[in-house]
Amino acid sequence: MRSLALPLTQAVLHELAVRGPVLRGELVAATGASPMAVSRHLADLEGLGLVVASVPAGQRSGRRVEYAADRAAVASAVELLRGYLLGVGV
C-alpha cells in the first residue's frame, strides 16, 4: 500500500471515485501526468484491488479500457488505515 502515499496515485484514485468509469486519457488530462505514469499508477491500484478495468489485463492491446474505483475496496482500505493510524484494532 506504499503507493497510496504518492500524490499521483491519490489523484488518480480521487478522479476515479468522483467521476466514475473513465479512460486513461481522461485521467492524463485531469492529472496532467504522462500516459506512462498514469498507466503505472492504474496498474498499482488495480493490483491492490482498489481499481477495476472493463477489459482484463491480458486482453487490453488496442482496446478501449475504462477504469473505475472499487468503492467497497477503497472504503475497506481507508478503514484499515484509519485503524492503524489511530491504534484501533491493532
C-alpha atoms as a PDB file:
ATOM      1  CA  MET A   1       0.000   0.000   0.000  1.00  0.00           C
ATOM      2  CA  ARG A   2       3.041   2.223  -0.101  1.00  0.00           C
ATOM      3  CA  SER A   3       1.931   3.536  -3.497  1.00  0.00           C
ATOM      4  CA  LEU A   4      -1.138   5.109  -1.854  1.00  0.00           C
ATOM      5  CA  ALA A   5       1.192   7.659  -0.295  1.00  0.00           C
ATOM      6  CA  LEU A   6       2.108   9.025  -3.727  1.00  0.00           C
ATOM      7  CA  PRO A   7       0.260  12.193  -4.771  1.00  0.00           C
ATOM      8  CA  LEU A   8      -0.390  10.958  -8.324  1.00  0.00           C
ATOM      9  CA  THR A   9      -1.830   7.674  -7.057  1.00  0.00           C
ATOM     10  CA  GLN A  10      -4.131   9.640  -4.781  1.00  0.00           C
ATOM     11  CA  ALA A  11      -5.136  11.962  -7.639  1.00  0.00           C
ATOM     12  CA  VAL A  12      -5.910   9.025  -9.951  1.00  0.00           C
ATOM     13  CA  LEU A  13      -7.973   7.278  -7.275  1.00  0.00           C
ATOM     14  CA  HIS A  14      -9.799  10.522  -6.484  1.00  0.00           C
ATOM     15  CA  GLU A  15     -10.687  11.095 -10.141  1.00  0.00           C
ATOM     16  CA  LEU A  16     -11.952   7.517 -10.466  1.00  0.00           C
ATOM     17  CA  ALA A  17     -14.033   7.796  -7.296  1.00  0.00           C
ATOM     18  CA  VAL A  18     -15.532  11.163  -8.219  1.00  0.00           C
ATOM     19  CA  ARG A  19     -16.038  10.737 -11.961  1.00  0.00           C
ATOM     20  CA  GLY A  20     -16.823   7.044 -12.205  1.00  0.00           C
ATOM     21  CA  PRO A  21     -15.559   4.924 -15.086  1.00  0.00           C
ATOM     22  CA  VAL A  22     -13.080   6.870 -17.219  1.00  0.00           C
ATOM     23  CA  LEU A  23     -10.485   6.217 -19.894  1.00  0.00           C
ATOM     24  CA  ARG A  24      -6.775   6.523 -19.205  1.00  0.00           C
ATOM     25  CA  GLY A  25      -6.605   9.586 -21.468  1.00  0.00           C
ATOM     26  CA  GLU A  26      -9.181  11.347 -19.325  1.00  0.00           C
ATOM     27  CA  LEU A  27      -7.031  10.667 -16.254  1.00  0.00           C
ATOM     28  CA  VAL A  28      -3.980  12.005 -18.086  1.00  0.00           C
ATOM     29  CA  ALA A  29      -5.872  15.212 -18.886  1.00  0.00           C
ATOM     30  CA  ALA A  30      -7.267  15.543 -15.354  1.00  0.00           C
ATOM     31  CA  THR A  31      -3.956  14.966 -13.572  1.00  0.00           C
ATOM     32  CA  GLY A  32      -1.509  16.499 -16.047  1.00  0.00           C
ATOM     33  CA  ALA A  33       0.696  13.413 -15.724  1.00  0.00           C
ATOM     34  CA  SER A  34       2.186  11.449 -18.599  1.00  0.00           C
ATOM     35  CA  PRO A  35       0.277   8.477 -20.044  1.00  0.00           C
ATOM     36  CA  MET A  36       3.059   6.149 -18.832  1.00  0.00           C
ATOM     37  CA  ALA A  37       2.856   7.495 -15.271  1.00  0.00           C
ATOM     38  CA  VAL A  38      -0.927   7.191 -15.176  1.00  0.00           C
ATOM     39  CA  SER A  39      -0.704   3.625 -16.519  1.00  0.00           C
ATOM     40  CA  ARG A  40       1.797   2.694 -13.825  1.00  0.00           C
ATOM     41  CA  HIS A  41      -0.418   4.091 -11.061  1.00  0.00           C
ATOM     42  CA  LEU A  42      -3.505   2.414 -12.501  1.00  0.00           C
ATOM     43  CA  ALA A  43      -1.647  -0.904 -12.519  1.00  0.00           C
ATOM     44  CA  ASP A  44      -0.609  -0.409  -8.885  1.00  0.00           C
ATOM     45  CA  LEU A  45      -4.163   0.438  -7.837  1.00  0.00           C
ATOM     46  CA  GLU A  46      -5.554  -2.475  -9.814  1.00  0.00           C
ATOM     47  CA  GLY A  47      -3.015  -4.784  -8.182  1.00  0.00           C
ATOM     48  CA  LEU A  48      -4.205  -3.608  -4.767  1.00  0.00           C
ATOM     49  CA  GLY A  49      -7.802  -4.370  -5.781  1.00  0.00           C
ATOM     50  CA  LEU A  50      -8.839  -0.712  -5.489  1.00  0.00           C
ATOM     51  CA  VAL A  51      -9.466  -0.224  -9.212  1.00  0.00           C
ATOM     52  CA  VAL A  52     -11.312  -2.383 -11.724  1.00  0.00           C
ATOM     53  CA  ALA A  53     -10.970  -2.280 -15.501  1.00  0.00           C
ATOM     54  CA  SER A  54     -13.586  -3.022 -18.153  1.00  0.00           C
ATOM     55  CA  VAL A  55     -11.170  -5.339 -20.003  1.00  0.00           C
ATOM     56  CA  PRO A  56      -8.967  -7.983 -18.298  1.00  0.00           C
ATOM     57  CA  ALA A  57      -5.244  -7.151 -18.121  1.00  0.00           C
ATOM     58  CA  GLY A  58      -4.082  -9.714 -20.698  1.00  0.00           C
ATOM     59  CA  GLN A  59      -6.620  -8.607 -23.317  1.00  0.00           C
ATOM     60  CA  ARG A  60      -6.137  -4.829 -23.458  1.00  0.00           C
ATOM     61  CA  SER A  61      -3.965  -4.384 -26.539  1.00  0.00           C
ATOM     62  CA  GLY A  62      -5.613  -1.796 -28.772  1.00  0.00           C
ATOM     63  CA  ARG A  63      -8.823  -1.828 -26.769  1.00  0.00           C
ATOM     64  CA  ARG A  64     -10.792   0.948 -25.164  1.00  0.00           C
ATOM     65  CA  VAL A  65     -10.489   0.340 -21.412  1.00  0.00           C
ATOM     66  CA  GLU A  66     -12.492   2.140 -18.765  1.00  0.00           C
ATOM     67  CA  TYR A  67     -11.251   2.209 -15.194  1.00  0.00           C
ATOM     68  CA  ALA A  68     -13.330   2.678 -12.043  1.00  0.00           C
ATOM     69  CA  ALA A  69     -12.675   2.745  -8.319  1.00  0.00           C
ATOM     70  CA  ASP A  70     -13.937  -0.258  -6.398  1.00  0.00           C
ATOM     71  CA  ARG A  71     -15.647   1.865  -3.779  1.00  0.00           C
ATOM     72  CA  ALA A  72     -16.104  -1.008  -1.302  1.00  0.00           C
ATOM     73  CA  ALA A  73     -12.409  -1.920  -1.522  1.00  0.00           C
ATOM     74  CA  VAL A  74     -11.403   1.737  -1.118  1.00  0.00           C
ATOM     75  CA  ALA A  75     -13.660   2.056   1.941  1.00  0.00           C
ATOM     76  CA  SER A  76     -12.048  -1.062   3.443  1.00  0.00           C
ATOM     77  CA  ALA A  77      -8.552   0.283   2.795  1.00  0.00           C
ATOM     78  CA  VAL A  78      -9.467   3.605   4.390  1.00  0.00           C
ATOM     79  CA  GLU A  79     -10.811   1.796   7.474  1.00  0.00           C
ATOM     80  CA  LEU A  80      -7.639  -0.296   7.747  1.00  0.00           C
ATOM     81  CA  LEU A  81      -5.500   2.823   7.502  1.00  0.00           C
ATOM     82  CA  ARG A  82      -7.704   4.636   9.991  1.00  0.00           C
ATOM     83  CA  GLY A  83      -7.386   1.760  12.449  1.00  0.00           C
ATOM     84  CA  TYR A  84      -3.636   1.648  12.025  1.00  0.00           C
ATOM     85  CA  LEU A  85      -3.140   5.381  12.437  1.00  0.00           C
ATOM     86  CA  LEU A  86      -5.424   5.599  15.450  1.00  0.00           C
ATOM     87  CA  GLY A  87      -4.188   2.372  17.033  1.00  0.00           C
ATOM     88  CA  VAL A  88      -7.624   0.790  16.853  1.00  0.00           C
ATOM     89  CA  GLY A  89      -7.797  -2.968  16.366  1.00  0.00           C
ATOM     90  CA  VAL A  90      -4.028  -3.329  16.107  1.00  0.00           C
END
